[in-house]
Amino acid sequence: MITILGKEIPNQMKELTIEQFEMITEINNNKDLDAVDKHLKIFEYLGIPEKDFWDVDISDFIEMVKAFNSLDKNIDYPTIDTIEIDGYTYTAQMKLTVRDTKHIEKLAIEKPKNYISQMMAVMFKREDLTPAEHYADAHIKHKAKFICKMTADISIPYVMYIANKVNQQFKNAEATPELERSNA
């Protein structure tokens, strides 16, 4: 937690929920906002109204932003491979199947507001469900609704794994255009 203008707000991954992290990411990716507006929107989302900053000197505001953005870089985010949702146990592996990748790439392209929660919902599976049940949009959205309330640190190993895998796939596709030609 960090204190800005006398108010405590979360700024570390273990303090933010996945939902908060998703919203902060969405605000940061908004190309219609300049840097000051982005941080004003983030602070407002976390509980500090924009009007509280109106009389703050810009150099003080910049220092507040730097303090807010400072993450403890020495944190190791352990991989959580089991979560409980609605009385059911879901497990995940650091493995992407073709079907997982198809769903995750669709999410990455569409970037819905809760895309990290939905990516996590694809990764975490119940053993008693069929693939059709697991990959059903309604089931993914249902799980994402619960996952978004978890702390963001849980998502970091999966987000990094997915990003690295997708990046590696793009590099491999560039090196081996046969896959591209087979689709032509």
C-alpha atoms as a PDB file:
ATOM      1  CA  MET A   1       0.000   0.000   0.000  1.00  0.00           C
ATOM      2  CA  ILE A   2       1.050   3.524  -0.625  1.00  0.00           C
ATOM      3  CA  THR A   3      -0.289   6.701   0.935  1.00  0.00           C
ATOM      4  CA  ILE A   4      -1.105   9.503  -1.501  1.00  0.00           C
ATOM      5  CA  LEU A   5      -2.788  12.673  -0.275  1.00  0.00           C
ATOM      6  CA  GLY A   6      -3.516  10.973   3.034  1.00  0.00           C
ATOM      7  CA  LYS A   7      -5.291   7.998   1.441  1.00  0.00           C
ATOM      8  CA  GLU A   8      -3.947   4.460   1.278  1.00  0.00           C
ATOM      9  CA  ILE A   9      -4.256   2.767  -2.088  1.00  0.00           C
ATOM     10  CA  PRO A  10      -2.894  -0.542  -3.348  1.00  0.00           C
ATOM     11  CA  ASN A  11       0.088  -0.417  -5.694  1.00  0.00           C
ATOM     12  CA  GLN A  12       1.723  -3.831  -5.378  1.00  0.00           C
ATOM     13  CA  MET A  13       0.568  -6.959  -7.201  1.00  0.00           C
ATOM     14  CA  LYS A  14      -0.152  -8.785  -3.950  1.00  0.00           C
ATOM     15  CA  GLU A  15      -2.430  -5.898  -2.906  1.00  0.00           C
ATOM     16  CA  LEU A  16      -4.301  -5.280  -6.165  1.00  0.00           C
ATOM     17  CA  THR A  17      -7.052  -7.582  -7.311  1.00  0.00           C
ATOM     18  CA  ILE A  18      -6.854  -8.944 -10.833  1.00  0.00           C
ATOM     19  CA  GLU A  19      -9.875  -6.743 -11.601  1.00  0.00           C
ATOM     20  CA  GLN A  20      -8.017  -3.633 -10.411  1.00  0.00           C
ATOM     21  CA  PHE A  21      -4.917  -4.655 -12.368  1.00  0.00           C
ATOM     22  CA  GLU A  22      -7.059  -5.143 -15.491  1.00  0.00           C
ATOM     23  CA  MET A  23      -8.604  -1.684 -15.085  1.00  0.00           C
ATOM     24  CA  ILE A  24      -5.226  -0.026 -14.505  1.00  0.00           C
ATOM     25  CA  THR A  25      -3.904  -1.784 -17.611  1.00  0.00           C
ATOM     26  CA  GLU A  26      -6.936  -0.632 -19.610  1.00  0.00           C
ATOM     27  CA  ILE A  27      -6.441   2.978 -18.492  1.00  0.00           C
ATOM     28  CA  ASN A  28      -2.712   2.828 -19.285  1.00  0.00           C
ATOM     29  CA  ASN A  29      -3.464   1.476 -22.766  1.00  0.00           C
ATOM     30  CA  ASN A  30      -5.974   4.230 -23.561  1.00  0.00           C
ATOM     31  CA  LYS A  31      -4.297   6.181 -26.369  1.00  0.00           C
ATOM     32  CA  ASP A  32      -6.803   9.048 -25.951  1.00  0.00           C
ATOM     33  CA  LEU A  33      -5.373   9.954 -22.535  1.00  0.00           C
ATOM     34  CA  ASP A  34      -2.101  11.741 -21.872  1.00  0.00           C
ATOM     35  CA  ALA A  35       0.201  10.644 -19.034  1.00  0.00           C
ATOM     36  CA  VAL A  36      -1.314  13.012 -16.449  1.00  0.00           C
ATOM     37  CA  ASP A  37      -4.882  12.007 -17.308  1.00  0.00           C
ATOM     38  CA  LYS A  38      -3.971   8.324 -17.144  1.00  0.00           C
ATOM     39  CA  HIS A  39      -2.652   8.642 -13.616  1.00  0.00           C
ATOM     40  CA  LEU A  40      -5.521  10.867 -12.519  1.00  0.00           C
ATOM     41  CA  LYS A  41      -7.948   8.191 -13.783  1.00  0.00           C
ATOM     42  CA  ILE A  42      -5.984   5.419 -12.055  1.00  0.00           C
ATOM     43  CA  PHE A  43      -5.897   7.305  -8.755  1.00  0.00           C
ATOM     44  CA  GLU A  44      -9.602   8.092  -9.068  1.00  0.00           C
ATOM     45  CA  TYR A  45     -10.376   4.440  -9.764  1.00  0.00           C
ATOM     46  CA  LEU A  46      -8.445   3.497  -6.618  1.00  0.00           C
ATOM     47  CA  GLY A  47     -10.300   6.048  -4.486  1.00  0.00           C
ATOM     48  CA  ILE A  48      -8.640   9.460  -4.812  1.00  0.00           C
ATOM     49  CA  PRO A  49     -10.903  11.872  -6.726  1.00  0.00           C
ATOM     50  CA  GLU A  50      -9.317  13.981  -9.456  1.00  0.00           C
ATOM     51  CA  LYS A  51     -10.385  17.182  -7.679  1.00  0.00           C
ATOM     52  CA  ASP A  52      -8.044  16.298  -4.798  1.00  0.00           C
ATOM     53  CA  PHE A  53      -5.115  16.849  -7.193  1.00  0.00           C
ATOM     54  CA  TRP A  54      -6.244  20.188  -8.668  1.00  0.00           C
ATOM     55  CA  ASP A  55      -4.007  22.320  -6.445  1.00  0.00           C
ATOM     56  CA  VAL A  56      -1.084  19.873  -6.263  1.00  0.00           C
ATOM     57  CA  ASP A  57       2.177  21.113  -7.789  1.00  0.00           C
ATOM     58  CA  ILE A  58       3.030  19.109 -10.917  1.00  0.00           C
ATOM     59  CA  SER A  59       6.470  18.139  -9.579  1.00  0.00           C
ATOM     60  CA  ASP A  60       4.808  16.719  -6.440  1.00  0.00           C
ATOM     61  CA  PHE A  61       2.310  14.866  -8.644  1.00  0.00           C
ATOM     62  CA  ILE A  62       5.185  13.361 -10.657  1.00  0.00           C
ATOM     63  CA  GLU A  63       6.804  12.138  -7.430  1.00  0.00           C
ATOM     64  CA  MET A  64       3.492  10.579  -6.356  1.00  0.00           C
ATOM     65  CA  VAL A  65       3.245   8.798  -9.717  1.00  0.00           C
ATOM     66  CA  LYS A  66       6.834   7.539  -9.411  1.00  0.00           C
ATOM     67  CA  ALA A  67       6.114   6.246  -5.902  1.00  0.00           C
ATOM     68  CA  PHE A  68       2.874   4.594  -7.058  1.00  0.00           C
ATOM     69  CA  ASN A  69       4.606   2.942 -10.025  1.00  0.00           C
ATOM     70  CA  SER A  70       7.517   1.607  -7.983  1.00  0.00           C
ATOM     71  CA  LEU A  71       7.181  -2.131  -7.679  1.00  0.00           C
ATOM     72  CA  ASP A  72       9.299  -4.342  -5.489  1.00  0.00           C
ATOM     73  CA  LYS A  73      11.403  -5.957  -8.205  1.00  0.00           C
ATOM     74  CA  ASN A  74      12.782  -8.611  -5.842  1.00  0.00           C
ATOM     75  CA  ILE A  75       9.463 -10.414  -5.511  1.00  0.00           C
ATOM     76  CA  ASP A  76       9.234 -13.938  -6.826  1.00  0.00           C
ATOM     77  CA  TYR A  77       5.671 -14.693  -7.849  1.00  0.00           C
ATOM     78  CA  PRO A  78       5.069 -18.370  -7.071  1.00  0.00           C
ATOM     79  CA  THR A  79       2.907 -20.366  -9.421  1.00  0.00           C
ATOM     80  CA  ILE A  80      -0.406 -21.234  -7.837  1.00  0.00           C
ATOM     81  CA  ASP A  81      -1.670 -24.324  -9.635  1.00  0.00           C
ATOM     82  CA  THR A  82      -4.889 -24.918  -7.679  1.00  0.00           C
ATOM     83  CA  ILE A  83      -7.725 -22.532  -6.897  1.00  0.00           C
ATOM     84  CA  GLU A  84     -11.176 -23.035  -5.469  1.00  0.00           C
ATOM     85  CA  ILE A  85     -14.181 -21.390  -7.076  1.00  0.00           C
ATOM     86  CA  ASP A  86     -17.751 -21.854  -5.975  1.00  0.00           C
ATOM     87  CA  GLY A  87     -16.836 -25.037  -4.076  1.00  0.00           C
ATOM     88  CA  TYR A  88     -14.993 -26.616  -7.023  1.00  0.00           C
ATOM     89  CA  THR A  89     -11.266 -27.175  -7.366  1.00  0.00           C
ATOM     90  CA  TYR A  90      -9.596 -25.981 -10.550  1.00  0.00           C
ATOM     91  CA  THR A  91      -6.036 -26.816 -11.530  1.00  0.00           C
ATOM     92  CA  ALA A  92      -3.684 -25.332 -14.079  1.00  0.00           C
ATOM     93  CA  GLN A  93      -0.426 -26.380 -15.633  1.00  0.00           C
ATOM     94  CA  MET A  94       2.192 -24.302 -17.348  1.00  0.00           C
ATOM     95  CA  LYS A  95       1.111 -25.801 -20.631  1.00  0.00           C
ATOM     96  CA  LEU A  96      -0.831 -24.348 -23.534  1.00  0.00           C
ATOM     97  CA  THR A  97      -2.809 -26.660 -25.742  1.00  0.00           C
ATOM     98  CA  VAL A  98      -3.878 -25.637 -29.228  1.00  0.00           C
ATOM     99  CA  ARG A  99      -7.402 -25.121 -27.916  1.00  0.00           C
ATOM    100  CA  ASP A 100      -6.138 -22.999 -24.980  1.00  0.00           C
ATOM    101  CA  THR A 101      -4.052 -20.934 -27.370  1.00  0.00           C
ATOM    102  CA  LYS A 102      -6.991 -20.411 -29.723  1.00  0.00           C
ATOM    103  CA  HIS A 103      -9.131 -19.051 -26.876  1.00  0.00           C
ATOM    104  CA  ILE A 104      -6.353 -16.952 -25.358  1.00  0.00           C
ATOM    105  CA  GLU A 105      -5.353 -15.420 -28.702  1.00  0.00           C
ATOM    106  CA  LYS A 106      -9.005 -14.485 -29.293  1.00  0.00           C
ATOM    107  CA  LEU A 107      -9.037 -12.763 -25.905  1.00  0.00           C
ATOM    108  CA  ALA A 108      -5.753 -10.998 -26.642  1.00  0.00           C
ATOM    109  CA  ILE A 109      -7.154  -9.643 -29.904  1.00  0.00           C
ATOM    110  CA  GLU A 110     -10.546  -8.611 -28.508  1.00  0.00           C
ATOM    111  CA  LYS A 111      -9.122  -7.397 -25.168  1.00  0.00           C
ATOM    112  CA  PRO A 112     -12.356  -7.414 -23.161  1.00  0.00           C
ATOM    113  CA  LYS A 113     -12.177  -5.505 -19.884  1.00  0.00           C
ATOM    114  CA  ASN A 114     -11.504  -8.709 -17.970  1.00  0.00           C
ATOM    115  CA  TYR A 115      -9.156 -10.426 -20.409  1.00  0.00           C
ATOM    116  CA  ILE A 116      -6.611 -11.462 -17.751  1.00  0.00           C
ATOM    117  CA  SER A 117      -9.352 -13.099 -15.670  1.00  0.00           C
ATOM    118  CA  GLN A 118     -10.658 -14.850 -18.769  1.00  0.00           C
ATOM    119  CA  MET A 119      -7.163 -16.039 -19.765  1.00  0.00           C
ATOM    120  CA  MET A 120      -6.772 -17.442 -16.267  1.00  0.00           C
ATOM    121  CA  ALA A 121     -10.213 -19.066 -16.591  1.00  0.00           C
ATOM    122  CA  VAL A 122      -8.995 -20.855 -19.728  1.00  0.00           C
ATOM    123  CA  MET A 123      -5.873 -22.100 -17.946  1.00  0.00           C
ATOM    124  CA  PHE A 124      -7.638 -23.367 -14.792  1.00  0.00           C
ATOM    125  CA  LYS A 125      -9.729 -26.469 -15.445  1.00  0.00           C
ATOM    126  CA  ARG A 126     -11.981 -28.817 -13.498  1.00  0.00           C
ATOM    127  CA  GLU A 127     -11.177 -32.478 -14.049  1.00  0.00           C
ATOM    128  CA  ASP A 128     -14.842 -33.498 -14.017  1.00  0.00           C
ATOM    129  CA  LEU A 129     -15.811 -31.283 -16.968  1.00  0.00           C
ATOM    130  CA  THR A 130     -15.654 -32.222 -20.616  1.00  0.00           C
ATOM    131  CA  PRO A 131     -13.634 -29.952 -22.918  1.00  0.00           C
ATOM    132  CA  ALA A 132     -16.902 -28.637 -24.396  1.00  0.00           C
ATOM    133  CA  GLU A 133     -18.097 -27.649 -20.917  1.00  0.00           C
ATOM    134  CA  HIS A 134     -14.745 -26.166 -19.918  1.00  0.00           C
ATOM    135  CA  TYR A 135     -14.377 -24.005 -23.037  1.00  0.00           C
ATOM    136  CA  ALA A 136     -18.000 -22.839 -23.126  1.00  0.00           C
ATOM    137  CA  ASP A 137     -18.097 -19.040 -23.110  1.00  0.00           C
ATOM    138  CA  ALA A 138     -20.572 -19.015 -20.211  1.00  0.00           C
ATOM    139  CA  HIS A 139     -18.299 -21.209 -18.083  1.00  0.00           C
ATOM    140  CA  ILE A 140     -15.200 -19.112 -18.865  1.00  0.00           C
ATOM    141  CA  LYS A 141     -17.084 -15.916 -17.955  1.00  0.00           C
ATOM    142  CA  HIS A 142     -18.452 -17.521 -14.781  1.00  0.00           C
ATOM    143  CA  LYS A 143     -14.946 -18.496 -13.611  1.00  0.00           C
ATOM    144  CA  ALA A 144     -13.534 -15.105 -14.624  1.00  0.00           C
ATOM    145  CA  LYS A 145     -16.092 -13.394 -12.372  1.00  0.00           C
ATOM    146  CA  PHE A 146     -14.510 -15.140  -9.369  1.00  0.00           C
ATOM    147  CA  ILE A 147     -10.917 -15.023 -10.560  1.00  0.00           C
ATOM    148  CA  CYS A 148     -10.994 -11.235 -10.961  1.00  0.00           C
ATOM    149  CA  LYS A 149     -11.482 -10.909  -7.179  1.00  0.00           C
ATOM    150  CA  MET A 150      -8.204 -12.749  -6.473  1.00  0.00           C
ATOM    151  CA  THR A 151      -4.945 -10.889  -5.960  1.00  0.00           C
ATOM    152  CA  ALA A 152      -3.075  -9.931  -9.121  1.00  0.00           C
ATOM    153  CA  ASP A 153       0.140 -11.670  -8.038  1.00  0.00           C
ATOM    154  CA  ILE A 154      -1.534 -15.011  -8.808  1.00  0.00           C
ATOM    155  CA  SER A 155      -1.857 -14.028 -12.466  1.00  0.00           C
ATOM    156  CA  ILE A 156       1.743 -12.890 -13.031  1.00  0.00           C
ATOM    157  CA  PRO A 157       3.338 -16.315 -13.693  1.00  0.00           C
ATOM    158  CA  TYR A 158       0.518 -17.195 -16.102  1.00  0.00           C
ATOM    159  CA  VAL A 159       0.528 -13.853 -17.916  1.00  0.00           C
ATOM    160  CA  MET A 160       4.308 -14.084 -18.326  1.00  0.00           C
ATOM    161  CA  TYR A 161       4.104 -17.717 -19.460  1.00  0.00           C
ATOM    162  CA  ILE A 162       1.372 -16.964 -22.000  1.00  0.00           C
ATOM    163  CA  ALA A 163       3.182 -13.871 -23.300  1.00  0.00           C
ATOM    164  CA  ASN A 164       6.434 -15.813 -23.705  1.00  0.00           C
ATOM    165  CA  LYS A 165       4.688 -18.743 -25.421  1.00  0.00           C
ATOM    166  CA  VAL A 166       2.752 -16.532 -27.835  1.00  0.00           C
ATOM    167  CA  ASN A 167       5.869 -14.484 -28.573  1.00  0.00           C
ATOM    168  CA  GLN A 168       7.826 -17.689 -29.198  1.00  0.00           C
ATOM    169  CA  GLN A 169       5.065 -18.961 -31.499  1.00  0.00           C
ATOM    170  CA  PHE A 170       5.192 -15.771 -33.562  1.00  0.00           C
ATOM    171  CA  LYS A 171       8.977 -16.075 -33.879  1.00  0.00           C
ATOM    172  CA  ASN A 172       8.638 -19.730 -34.888  1.00  0.00           C
ATOM    173  CA  ALA A 173       5.919 -18.869 -37.415  1.00  0.00           C
ATOM    174  CA  GLU A 174       8.192 -16.261 -39.000  1.00  0.00           C
ATOM    175  CA  ALA A 175      11.018 -18.793 -39.180  1.00  0.00           C
ATOM    176  CA  THR A 176       8.793 -21.556 -40.572  1.00  0.00           C
ATOM    177  CA  PRO A 177       6.247 -20.076 -42.990  1.00  0.00           C
ATOM    178  CA  GLU A 178       4.928 -23.553 -43.842  1.00  0.00           C
ATOM    179  CA  LEU A 179       2.112 -23.076 -41.327  1.00  0.00           C
ATOM    180  CA  GLU A 180       1.130 -19.874 -43.062  1.00  0.00           C
ATOM    181  CA  ARG A 181       1.247 -21.482 -46.524  1.00  0.00           C
ATOM    182  CA  SER A 182      -0.889 -24.405 -45.410  1.00  0.00           C
ATOM    183  CA  ASN A 183      -3.630 -21.916 -44.549  1.00  0.00           C
ATOM    184  CA  ALA A 184      -3.454 -20.165 -47.916  1.00  0.00           C
END
